[in-house]
């Protein structure tokens, strides 16, 4: 089943919207998690800086890492102290803890044979802060916790950690080799911070790079962010579907109107018009449709008028022929030479109409367009004037024509049609101009065209008839035209020939009382 155009447009817009929404969410999710990972690494680097200072003090005391290598518990204690140090400027001395009873088990992993922790610097002689309660002063209460005043707020605790620091922190020597007592891989897996004593690097402390969240809070944060992204994506997709559906209907509304208007034109309702709602392509299409409908309506009216005129033109001579023949058959009129000449005249009139109709249909169909060549219209005009000279002289009319221009004149046209054009104009003058009279034929060259004019000595035509003079079957004086044998198609044929060669033709009355017909042909461009 083939999809309709509106479905294709809807799916196209929807797919574009889905692509934009999904790609935006994926990019936003990617950078959000990248920034979160960068944030965790930055926090770790800040802790490393504090831890590096503690390790620097430890190295300054013993001038080696033996105390840490021999006592892993001491290493764990240092990492936990560095991990719990509150944010802010470093103090000159180590953190101070209130005196309290020693722990029941060795916190620093001392030697059990000695029955207690190994000797250390007094900075580590105090009890390290427990992981849950942070720093506090005072004697421990029940369960090893200090007593609190009733109604007092709980003391501030340390910032939440990102997992056991000692399990992710490694110690390296000055050459970035892991110390034997510390489980560590190559330094590429760690963020390193130098440990300096008297401006000399004595070692490196590193924290393992985050490849994935390890703390439950981090995992929960990422899960919550993912759910938020998915919820935003779902809402955005629903909005995209709604907006796409509404926009596609609005976008295709002119197409529906155009389809309905086209069906109306096929039903010959040429009065159909579309509303031009915008100035975009659809608006221009609606305006073009209205222009086409107007032209079709005008052509339909001309066709009906054309058929009516043809019927009238053919009905008149055919009625005369029928009447005269029936009169001869009934014996009312004798078969004589005069009767036969009358019948012959009517037959010639019908033949002339049919011939002119055939010529007009050929010209308008442009079946001869391929025969156009480069011709000189002035030479053809002079040749036609010479052939009509005896007929004009017989009627006592004079032709005044300027000599052909010495400058070569070339247009794209058909020579036979140009002869027909000039012959029709001269025939029109012979039929309707009063004798004796004068026909002035002039020509003029401009930069891009050649101008021809035919001006007779009269009579002219009424001003209201000038606009219809080139219409088919139009006659100013029908009775007078019929007596001269005109079909009413001569000037219509002239107009069709001129326009087929991209020219212009017009008729005007002149002050002397005659009629002037002007023609302009575009010159051939090299």
Protein backbone atom coordinates (compact mmCIF):
# COMPACT_ATOMS: atom_id res chain seq x y z
CA UNK A 1 0.00 0.00 0.00
CA UNK A 2 1.51 3.29 -1.11
CA UNK A 3 1.59 6.16 1.37
CA UNK A 4 -0.15 9.41 0.61
CA UNK A 5 1.85 12.60 0.34
CA UNK A 6 0.60 13.94 3.68
CA UNK A 7 1.73 10.72 5.38
CA UNK A 8 5.15 11.02 3.78
CA UNK A 9 5.48 14.62 4.93
CA UNK A 10 4.37 13.69 8.45
CA UNK A 11 6.83 10.79 8.66
CA UNK A 12 9.65 12.91 7.26
CA UNK A 13 9.09 15.69 9.78
CA UNK A 14 8.63 13.16 12.59
CA UNK A 15 11.85 11.31 11.76
CA UNK A 16 13.74 14.60 11.68
CA UNK A 17 12.29 15.56 15.06
CA UNK A 18 13.11 12.15 16.54
CA UNK A 19 16.65 12.34 15.21
CA UNK A 20 17.16 15.80 16.71
CA UNK A 21 15.66 14.85 20.09
CA UNK A 22 17.50 11.54 20.44
CA UNK A 23 20.84 12.95 19.30
CA UNK A 24 20.45 15.95 21.63
CA UNK A 25 19.69 13.68 24.59
CA UNK A 26 22.59 11.36 23.84
CA UNK A 27 25.00 14.26 23.47
CA UNK A 28 23.71 15.92 26.66
CA UNK A 29 23.94 12.62 28.57
CA UNK A 30 27.44 11.97 27.28
CA UNK A 31 28.79 15.38 28.26
CA UNK A 32 26.95 15.34 31.60
CA UNK A 33 28.61 12.08 32.59
CA UNK A 34 31.94 13.25 31.22
CA UNK A 35 31.69 16.39 33.33
CA UNK A 36 30.71 14.31 36.35
CA UNK A 37 33.73 12.08 35.82
CA UNK A 38 35.92 15.16 35.44
CA UNK A 39 34.42 16.55 38.65
CA UNK A 40 35.29 13.36 40.56
CA UNK A 41 38.82 13.44 39.21
CA UNK A 42 39.22 17.09 40.22
CA UNK A 43 38.00 16.30 43.71
CA UNK A 44 40.48 13.44 43.91
CA UNK A 45 43.30 15.73 42.77
CA UNK A 46 42.42 18.21 45.52
CA UNK A 47 42.60 15.39 48.09
CA UNK A 48 45.89 14.27 46.59
CA UNK A 49 47.33 17.72 47.19
CA UNK A 50 46.47 17.55 50.88
CA UNK A 51 47.71 13.98 51.12
CA UNK A 52 50.97 14.92 49.40
CA UNK A 53 51.63 17.50 52.15
CA UNK A 54 51.04 14.90 54.86
CA UNK A 55 53.33 12.42 53.14
CA UNK A 56 55.93 15.15 52.69
CA UNK A 57 55.94 15.75 56.46
CA UNK A 58 56.19 12.00 57.03
CA UNK A 59 59.16 11.69 54.68
CA UNK A 60 60.84 14.78 56.18
CA UNK A 61 60.81 13.07 59.60
CA UNK A 62 62.28 9.73 58.58
CA UNK A 63 63.98 10.66 55.28
CA UNK A 64 62.57 7.45 53.78
CA UNK A 65 59.38 5.50 53.17
CA UNK A 66 60.39 2.66 55.48
CA UNK A 67 57.85 3.54 58.14
CA UNK A 68 55.06 3.20 55.62
CA UNK A 69 56.44 0.11 53.91
CA UNK A 70 56.93 -1.67 57.25
CA UNK A 71 53.56 -0.63 58.67
CA UNK A 72 50.60 -0.77 56.23
CA UNK A 73 48.31 0.35 59.04
CA UNK A 74 50.24 3.56 59.25
CA UNK A 75 49.67 4.06 55.50
CA UNK A 76 45.93 3.52 55.90
CA UNK A 77 45.81 5.99 58.76
CA UNK A 78 47.55 8.68 56.69
CA UNK A 79 45.24 8.17 53.72
CA UNK A 80 42.16 8.40 55.94
CA UNK A 81 43.43 11.59 57.57
CA UNK A 82 44.08 13.13 54.17
CA UNK A 83 40.71 11.96 52.99
CA UNK A 84 38.84 13.53 55.93
CA UNK A 85 40.67 16.86 56.03
CA UNK A 86 37.99 19.60 55.81
CA UNK A 87 38.15 21.91 52.80
CA UNK A 88 40.03 25.16 53.31
CA UNK A 89 43.61 26.36 53.64
CA UNK A 90 46.14 23.92 55.02
CA UNK A 91 47.30 24.62 58.59
CA UNK A 92 50.89 24.61 59.62
CA UNK A 93 50.57 21.57 61.85
CA UNK A 94 48.80 18.26 61.61
CA UNK A 95 45.20 17.88 62.70
CA UNK A 96 44.74 17.74 66.46
CA UNK A 97 42.51 15.19 68.09
CA UNK A 98 41.30 15.20 71.69
CA UNK A 99 42.89 12.72 73.98
CA UNK A 100 40.95 9.55 74.34
CA UNK A 101 41.57 6.05 75.42
CA UNK A 102 43.61 4.02 72.99
CA UNK A 103 41.69 1.69 70.75
CA UNK A 104 41.24 -1.89 71.76
CA UNK A 105 42.81 -3.12 68.52
CA UNK A 106 45.82 -1.62 66.74
CA UNK A 107 44.44 0.84 64.18
CA UNK A 108 47.73 1.21 62.28
CA UNK A 109 48.31 -2.51 61.93
CA UNK A 110 51.04 -2.67 64.61
CA UNK A 111 53.05 -5.67 65.61
CA UNK A 112 50.87 -7.95 67.76
CA UNK A 113 53.97 -9.31 69.56
CA UNK A 114 54.69 -5.85 70.97
CA UNK A 115 51.14 -5.62 72.26
CA UNK A 116 50.48 -2.20 70.88
CA UNK A 117 50.98 0.16 67.99
CA UNK A 118 54.49 1.01 66.78
CA UNK A 119 55.96 4.31 67.87
CA UNK A 120 55.03 7.24 65.66
CA UNK A 121 55.28 10.97 65.56
CA UNK A 122 53.09 12.72 68.08
CA UNK A 123 50.96 14.05 65.17
CA UNK A 124 49.59 10.54 64.77
CA UNK A 125 49.49 9.70 68.47
CA UNK A 126 45.87 10.70 68.82
CA UNK A 127 42.94 8.59 67.81
CA UNK A 128 41.94 9.18 64.15
CA UNK A 129 38.42 10.37 63.61
CA UNK A 130 35.97 7.53 63.17
CA UNK A 131 34.47 7.23 59.70
CA UNK A 132 30.92 7.98 60.79
CA UNK A 133 31.24 10.81 63.27
CA UNK A 134 34.02 13.04 61.93
CA UNK A 135 35.99 15.34 64.19
CA UNK A 136 34.86 15.92 67.74
CA UNK A 137 36.19 16.97 71.12
CA UNK A 138 35.31 15.67 74.52
CA UNK A 139 35.20 12.33 76.11
CA UNK A 140 33.57 9.49 74.26
CA UNK A 141 30.18 8.49 75.36
CA UNK A 142 28.39 5.27 75.05
CA UNK A 143 29.59 3.19 72.15
CA UNK A 144 32.70 5.29 71.67
CA UNK A 145 30.77 8.45 70.65
CA UNK A 146 31.01 11.79 72.47
CA UNK A 147 28.04 12.95 74.47
CA UNK A 148 25.91 15.68 72.96
CA UNK A 149 24.04 18.43 74.65
CA UNK A 150 20.31 18.09 74.54
CA UNK A 151 18.75 20.30 71.94
CA UNK A 152 22.05 21.01 70.25
CA UNK A 153 22.47 20.39 66.55
CA UNK A 154 24.68 17.51 65.47
CA UNK A 155 28.27 18.49 64.85
CA UNK A 156 29.33 18.95 61.29
CA UNK A 157 30.72 15.81 59.76
CA UNK A 158 33.29 15.29 57.01
CA UNK A 159 32.36 15.50 53.37
CA UNK A 160 31.08 12.23 51.92
CA UNK A 161 33.83 10.09 50.55
CA UNK A 162 33.93 8.25 47.26
CA UNK A 163 34.90 4.88 48.65
CA UNK A 164 37.93 3.72 50.66
CA UNK A 165 40.76 6.00 49.79
CA UNK A 166 43.42 3.54 50.78
CA UNK A 167 42.17 1.04 48.23
CA UNK A 168 42.45 3.53 45.37
CA UNK A 169 45.61 5.42 46.44
CA UNK A 170 49.10 4.21 45.64
CA UNK A 171 52.54 5.45 46.60
CA UNK A 172 55.36 5.66 44.07
CA UNK A 173 59.01 6.48 44.47
CA UNK A 174 60.72 9.38 42.78
CA UNK A 175 61.03 7.37 39.57
CA UNK A 176 57.28 6.61 39.57
CA UNK A 177 57.77 2.96 40.45
CA UNK A 178 55.21 1.49 42.86
CA UNK A 179 56.60 0.68 46.28
CA UNK A 180 56.68 -3.02 47.12
CA UNK A 181 54.38 -2.76 50.08
CA UNK A 182 51.65 -1.09 48.00
CA UNK A 183 49.55 -2.96 45.45
CA UNK A 184 49.68 -0.76 42.34
CA UNK A 185 49.88 -1.18 38.62
CA UNK A 186 51.68 1.15 36.22
CA UNK A 187 51.49 4.89 36.80
CA UNK A 188 49.31 5.34 33.66
CA UNK A 189 46.32 4.05 35.66
CA UNK A 190 46.70 6.80 38.28
CA UNK A 191 46.45 10.53 38.64
CA UNK A 192 49.81 11.45 40.18
CA UNK A 193 50.81 14.26 42.50
CA UNK A 194 54.46 14.92 43.37
CA UNK A 195 55.66 14.71 46.98
CA UNK A 196 58.30 17.38 47.49
CA UNK A 197 60.68 17.91 50.39
CA UNK A 198 62.80 21.05 50.20
CA UNK A 199 61.84 21.55 46.54
CA UNK A 200 62.98 18.03 45.65
CA UNK A 201 60.59 15.33 44.46
CA UNK A 202 60.99 12.32 46.74
CA UNK A 203 57.96 10.39 45.56
CA UNK A 204 54.56 10.43 43.96
CA UNK A 205 51.15 9.76 45.37
CA UNK A 206 48.47 8.64 42.93
CA UNK A 207 44.79 7.91 42.90
CA UNK A 208 43.31 5.45 40.48
CA UNK A 209 41.53 7.03 37.54
CA UNK A 210 37.76 6.70 37.56
CA UNK A 211 36.56 4.40 34.84
CA UNK A 212 33.14 3.94 36.38
CA UNK A 213 31.41 5.06 39.57
CA UNK A 214 32.33 2.99 42.60
CA UNK A 215 30.45 4.76 45.38
CA UNK A 216 26.75 3.95 45.87
CA UNK A 217 25.92 7.65 45.90
CA UNK A 218 27.66 8.08 42.55
CA UNK A 219 25.78 5.13 41.10
CA UNK A 220 22.51 6.50 42.45
CA UNK A 221 23.29 9.95 41.03
CA UNK A 222 23.99 8.53 37.58
CA UNK A 223 20.86 6.37 37.72
CA UNK A 224 18.78 9.39 38.70
CA UNK A 225 20.30 11.49 35.92
CA UNK A 226 19.63 8.73 33.39
CA UNK A 227 16.01 8.51 34.46
CA UNK A 228 15.73 12.28 34.16
CA UNK A 229 17.18 12.21 30.65
CA UNK A 230 14.81 9.42 29.64
CA UNK A 231 11.82 11.30 31.05
CA UNK A 232 12.82 14.49 29.25
CA UNK A 233 13.33 12.49 26.07
CA UNK A 234 9.90 10.88 26.34
CA UNK A 235 8.18 14.22 26.88
CA UNK A 236 10.17 15.76 24.03
CA UNK A 237 9.18 12.90 21.73
CA UNK A 238 5.50 13.32 22.58
CA UNK A 239 5.73 17.06 21.96
CA UNK A 240 7.58 16.39 18.69
CA UNK A 241 4.81 14.05 17.52
CA UNK A 242 2.09 16.57 18.40
CA UNK A 243 3.90 19.52 16.80
CA UNK A 244 4.76 17.47 13.71
CA UNK A 245 1.15 16.36 13.26
CA UNK A 246 -0.22 19.90 13.63
CA UNK A 247 2.48 21.43 11.42
CA UNK A 248 2.08 18.82 8.69
CA UNK A 249 -1.68 19.48 8.55
CA UNK A 250 -1.05 23.22 8.37
CA UNK A 251 1.68 22.76 5.77
CA UNK A 252 -0.44 20.58 3.50
CA UNK A 253 -3.65 22.61 3.80
CA UNK A 254 -2.83 24.62 0.62
CA UNK A 255 -2.16 21.35 -1.21
CA UNK A 256 -5.64 20.10 -0.32
CA UNK A 257 -7.16 23.36 -1.52
CA UNK A 258 -5.16 23.12 -4.74
CA UNK A 259 -6.31 19.54 -5.31
CA UNK A 260 -9.94 20.56 -4.75
CA UNK A 261 -9.53 23.52 -7.11
CA UNK A 262 -7.99 21.29 -9.77
CA UNK A 263 -10.92 18.90 -9.57
CA UNK A 264 -13.25 21.87 -9.95
CA UNK A 265 -11.42 22.95 -13.11
CA UNK A 266 -11.73 19.46 -14.56
CA UNK A 267 -15.48 19.85 -14.02
CA UNK A 268 -15.31 23.06 -16.12
CA UNK A 269 -16.00 25.32 -13.14
CA UNK A 270 -13.54 27.94 -14.29
CA UNK A 271 -14.80 30.52 -11.80
CA UNK A 272 -12.98 28.61 -9.02
CA UNK A 273 -10.40 30.68 -7.14
CA UNK A 274 -8.00 29.90 -4.29
CA UNK A 275 -7.25 32.17 -1.34
CA UNK A 276 -3.68 33.45 -1.33
CA UNK A 277 -2.80 33.09 2.37
CA UNK A 278 0.95 33.69 2.25
CA UNK A 279 3.77 34.99 0.09
CA UNK A 280 5.78 31.76 0.03
CA UNK A 281 5.87 29.08 -2.68
CA UNK A 282 2.38 27.87 -1.80
CA UNK A 283 1.06 31.41 -2.04
CA UNK A 284 2.71 31.84 -5.44
CA UNK A 285 1.25 28.50 -6.51
CA UNK A 286 -2.23 29.65 -5.48
CA UNK A 287 -1.78 32.91 -7.40
CA UNK A 288 -0.63 30.98 -10.48
CA UNK A 289 -3.63 28.68 -10.14
CA UNK A 290 -5.97 31.67 -10.05
CA UNK A 291 -4.29 33.13 -13.13
CA UNK A 292 -4.63 29.79 -14.91
CA UNK A 293 -8.30 29.50 -13.93
CA UNK A 294 -8.93 33.03 -15.19
CA UNK A 295 -7.19 32.25 -18.49
CA UNK A 296 -9.15 29.02 -18.87
CA UNK A 297 -12.38 30.86 -18.20
CA UNK A 298 -11.49 33.47 -20.78
CA UNK A 299 -10.57 30.80 -23.32
CA UNK A 300 -13.79 28.95 -22.61
CA UNK A 301 -15.75 32.12 -23.24
CA UNK A 302 -13.78 32.71 -26.45
CA UNK A 303 -14.37 29.11 -27.50
CA UNK A 304 -18.10 29.46 -27.06
CA UNK A 305 -18.09 32.75 -28.90
CA UNK A 306 -15.89 31.19 -31.57
CA UNK A 307 -18.26 28.27 -32.08
CA UNK A 308 -21.23 30.62 -32.22
CA UNK A 309 -19.49 32.87 -34.76
CA UNK A 310 -18.39 29.93 -36.91
CA UNK A 311 -21.91 28.54 -36.87
CA UNK A 312 -23.28 31.91 -37.87
CA UNK A 313 -20.69 32.45 -40.62
CA UNK A 314 -21.30 29.04 -42.13
CA UNK A 315 -25.04 29.06 -41.62
CA UNK A 316 -25.57 32.20 -43.71
CA UNK A 317 -23.98 31.02 -47.00
CA UNK A 318 -25.29 27.50 -46.51
CA UNK A 319 -28.81 28.83 -46.01
CA UNK A 320 -28.50 30.88 -49.21
CA UNK A 321 -27.22 27.84 -51.11
CA UNK A 322 -30.00 25.68 -49.78
CA UNK A 323 -32.68 28.24 -50.59
CA UNK A 324 -31.48 28.82 -54.15
CA UNK A 325 -31.07 25.10 -54.85
CA UNK A 326 -34.53 24.29 -53.45
CA UNK A 327 -36.00 27.14 -55.52
CA UNK A 328 -34.45 25.65 -58.66
CA UNK A 329 -35.71 22.21 -57.70
CA UNK A 330 -39.23 23.53 -57.21
CA UNK A 331 -39.09 25.46 -60.48
CA UNK A 332 -39.51 28.77 -58.71
CA UNK A 333 -36.17 29.94 -60.09
CA UNK A 334 -34.75 29.02 -63.44
CA UNK A 335 -31.30 27.50 -63.74
CA UNK A 336 -29.47 30.32 -65.40
CA UNK A 337 -25.96 31.73 -65.59
CA UNK A 338 -26.75 34.33 -62.95
CA UNK A 339 -28.14 31.67 -60.59
CA UNK A 340 -25.06 29.50 -61.02
CA UNK A 341 -22.76 32.50 -60.40
CA UNK A 342 -24.63 33.23 -57.18
CA UNK A 343 -24.22 29.64 -56.06
CA UNK A 344 -20.55 29.73 -56.99
CA UNK A 345 -20.02 32.93 -54.97
CA UNK A 346 -21.50 31.35 -51.84
CA UNK A 347 -19.43 28.21 -52.27
CA UNK A 348 -16.26 30.31 -52.59
CA UNK A 349 -17.23 32.21 -49.46
CA UNK A 350 -17.62 28.98 -47.49
CA UNK A 351 -14.35 27.65 -48.89
CA UNK A 352 -12.55 30.86 -47.91
CA UNK A 353 -13.83 30.59 -44.35
CA UNK A 354 -12.76 26.96 -44.09
CA UNK A 355 -9.34 27.79 -45.55
CA UNK A 356 -8.79 30.67 -43.16
CA UNK A 357 -9.86 28.54 -40.21
CA UNK A 358 -7.36 25.90 -41.24
CA UNK A 359 -4.57 28.48 -41.55
CA UNK A 360 -5.42 29.95 -38.17
CA UNK A 361 -5.37 26.55 -36.47
CA UNK A 362 -1.97 25.78 -38.03
CA UNK A 363 -0.52 29.09 -36.88
CA UNK A 364 -1.78 28.75 -33.32
CA UNK A 365 -0.61 25.14 -33.05
CA UNK A 366 2.88 26.30 -34.20
CA UNK A 367 3.37 23.25 -36.40
CA UNK A 368 5.60 25.35 -38.67
CA UNK A 369 7.86 26.66 -35.87
CA UNK A 370 10.69 24.34 -36.92
CA UNK A 371 10.74 26.00 -40.37
CA UNK A 372 11.82 29.41 -39.03
CA UNK A 373 15.01 30.69 -40.60
CA UNK A 374 16.89 33.96 -40.86
CA UNK A 375 14.97 36.19 -43.31
CA UNK A 376 14.90 39.84 -44.34
CA UNK A 377 11.31 41.08 -43.82
CA UNK A 378 11.88 44.20 -45.95
CA UNK A 379 12.75 42.15 -49.03
CA UNK A 380 9.61 40.03 -48.61
CA UNK A 381 7.53 43.18 -48.08
CA UNK A 382 8.81 44.81 -51.27
CA UNK A 383 8.17 41.63 -53.23
CA UNK A 384 4.58 41.46 -51.95
CA UNK A 385 3.97 45.14 -52.74
CA UNK A 386 5.12 44.63 -56.31
CA UNK A 387 2.74 41.69 -56.75
CA UNK A 388 -0.22 43.78 -55.48
CA UNK A 389 0.70 46.86 -57.55
CA UNK A 390 -1.60 46.12 -60.53
CA UNK A 391 -4.64 45.53 -58.30
CA UNK A 392 -4.10 48.80 -56.44
CA UNK A 393 -3.65 50.64 -59.75
CA UNK A 394 -6.84 49.08 -61.13
CA UNK A 395 -8.83 50.52 -58.19
CA UNK A 396 -7.14 53.91 -58.52
CA UNK A 397 -5.07 53.57 -55.33
CA UNK A 398 -1.41 54.46 -54.92
CA UNK A 399 1.24 52.69 -52.85
CA UNK A 400 3.91 54.94 -51.33
CA UNK A 401 6.74 52.79 -49.97
CA UNK A 402 10.31 53.70 -49.03
CA UNK A 403 13.14 51.78 -50.58
CA UNK A 404 14.55 48.84 -48.70
CA UNK A 405 17.18 49.73 -46.10
CA UNK A 406 20.79 49.36 -47.24
CA UNK A 407 21.57 48.03 -43.79
CA UNK A 408 20.91 44.28 -43.58
CA UNK A 409 17.84 43.39 -41.54
CA UNK A 410 17.49 39.86 -40.18
CA UNK A 411 14.76 38.26 -38.08
CA UNK A 412 13.83 34.68 -37.24
CA UNK A 413 10.62 33.89 -39.13
CA UNK A 414 9.00 31.80 -41.83
CA UNK A 415 9.07 33.47 -45.26
CA UNK A 416 5.74 32.01 -46.43
CA UNK A 417 3.95 33.22 -43.30
CA UNK A 418 5.43 36.69 -43.72
CA UNK A 419 4.04 36.79 -47.29
CA UNK A 420 0.66 35.72 -45.92
CA UNK A 421 0.86 38.47 -43.27
CA UNK A 422 1.62 41.24 -45.78
CA UNK A 423 -0.94 39.87 -48.28
CA UNK A 424 -3.72 39.90 -45.66
CA UNK A 425 -2.93 43.50 -44.72
CA UNK A 426 -2.95 44.60 -48.37
CA UNK A 427 -6.18 42.66 -49.02
CA UNK A 428 -7.76 44.40 -46.05
CA UNK A 429 -6.81 47.78 -47.54
CA UNK A 430 -8.22 46.86 -50.96
CA UNK A 431 -11.54 45.79 -49.41
CA UNK A 432 -12.21 48.63 -47.00
CA UNK A 433 -10.19 51.72 -48.07
CA UNK A 434 -12.01 54.23 -50.28
CA UNK A 435 -10.71 54.71 -53.80
CA UNK A 436 -9.00 56.73 -54.98
CA UNK A 437 -6.69 56.61 -51.99
CA UNK A 438 -3.12 56.19 -50.79
CA UNK A 439 -1.40 53.44 -48.83
CA UNK A 440 1.81 54.54 -47.09
CA UNK A 441 4.21 51.74 -46.17
CA UNK A 442 7.14 52.76 -43.95
CA UNK A 443 9.87 50.97 -42.01
CA UNK A 444 12.29 51.99 -39.27
CA UNK A 445 15.22 50.28 -37.54
CA UNK A 446 15.98 50.53 -33.83
CA UNK A 447 18.65 48.91 -31.72
CA UNK A 448 16.71 45.70 -31.21
CA UNK A 449 13.73 45.67 -33.60
CA UNK A 450 12.39 46.59 -37.02
CA UNK A 451 9.17 48.63 -37.21
CA UNK A 452 6.70 48.41 -40.12
CA UNK A 453 3.59 50.55 -40.62
CA UNK A 454 0.66 50.43 -43.08
CA UNK A 455 -1.37 53.65 -43.18
CA UNK A 456 -4.31 54.10 -45.59
CA UNK A 457 -6.25 57.24 -46.42
CA UNK A 458 -9.46 56.10 -44.82
CA UNK A 459 -11.97 55.62 -43.66
CA UNK A 460 -10.90 54.67 -40.15
CA UNK A 461 -12.81 52.57 -37.64
CA UNK A 462 -14.70 53.63 -34.51
CA UNK A 463 -12.51 53.97 -31.44
CA UNK A 464 -14.49 51.32 -29.58
CA UNK A 465 -13.77 48.84 -32.40
CA UNK A 466 -9.96 49.24 -32.32
CA UNK A 467 -9.55 46.84 -29.41
CA UNK A 468 -11.48 44.07 -31.16
CA UNK A 469 -10.17 44.58 -34.66
CA UNK A 470 -7.90 41.51 -34.42
CA UNK A 471 -10.55 39.23 -32.88
CA UNK A 472 -11.69 36.22 -34.85
CA UNK A 473 -14.71 36.78 -37.10
CA UNK A 474 -15.08 40.36 -35.92
CA UNK A 475 -16.35 42.84 -38.50
CA UNK A 476 -16.97 46.53 -38.04
CA UNK A 477 -19.67 46.49 -40.75
CA UNK A 478 -20.86 42.92 -41.29
CA UNK A 479 -23.07 43.67 -44.27
CA UNK A 480 -20.30 45.64 -46.00
CA UNK A 481 -17.72 42.98 -45.17
CA UNK A 482 -19.86 40.23 -46.63
CA UNK A 483 -20.36 42.13 -49.84
CA UNK A 484 -16.55 42.34 -50.18
CA UNK A 485 -16.14 38.63 -49.54
CA UNK A 486 -14.31 38.92 -46.22
CA UNK A 487 -14.37 36.07 -43.72
CA UNK A 488 -13.53 38.15 -40.65
CA UNK A 489 -10.38 36.11 -40.01
CA UNK A 490 -7.74 38.05 -41.98
CA UNK A 491 -6.56 40.37 -39.20
CA UNK A 492 -6.84 37.57 -36.61
CA UNK A 493 -4.46 35.53 -38.76
CA UNK A 494 -2.13 38.55 -38.99
CA UNK A 495 -2.02 38.86 -35.20
CA UNK A 496 -1.30 35.14 -34.74
CA UNK A 497 1.54 35.25 -37.28
CA UNK A 498 3.15 38.32 -35.69
CA UNK A 499 2.94 36.92 -32.16
CA UNK A 500 4.33 33.56 -33.28
CA UNK A 501 7.51 35.43 -34.27
CA UNK A 502 7.61 37.25 -30.86
CA UNK A 503 6.38 40.47 -32.44
CA UNK A 504 3.68 43.05 -31.67
CA UNK A 505 0.84 44.46 -33.77
CA UNK A 506 -1.63 47.26 -33.06
CA UNK A 507 -4.15 49.42 -34.89
CA UNK A 508 -4.75 53.15 -34.41
CA UNK A 509 -6.65 55.91 -36.17
CA UNK A 510 -4.57 58.70 -37.71
CA UNK A 511 -5.49 62.42 -37.81
CA UNK A 512 -5.96 62.24 -41.59
CA UNK A 513 -8.92 59.92 -41.05
CA UNK A 514 -7.32 56.66 -42.07
CA UNK A 515 -6.27 53.48 -40.26
CA UNK A 516 -2.68 52.75 -39.28
CA UNK A 517 -1.46 49.23 -38.48
CA UNK A 518 2.00 49.06 -36.86
CA UNK A 519 4.13 45.92 -36.54
CA UNK A 520 7.38 45.37 -34.60
CA UNK A 521 9.66 42.35 -35.02
CA UNK A 522 12.69 41.68 -32.78
CA UNK A 523 15.97 41.59 -34.67
CA UNK A 524 18.00 38.41 -34.65
CA UNK A 525 20.66 38.53 -31.98
CA UNK A 526 24.10 37.33 -33.05
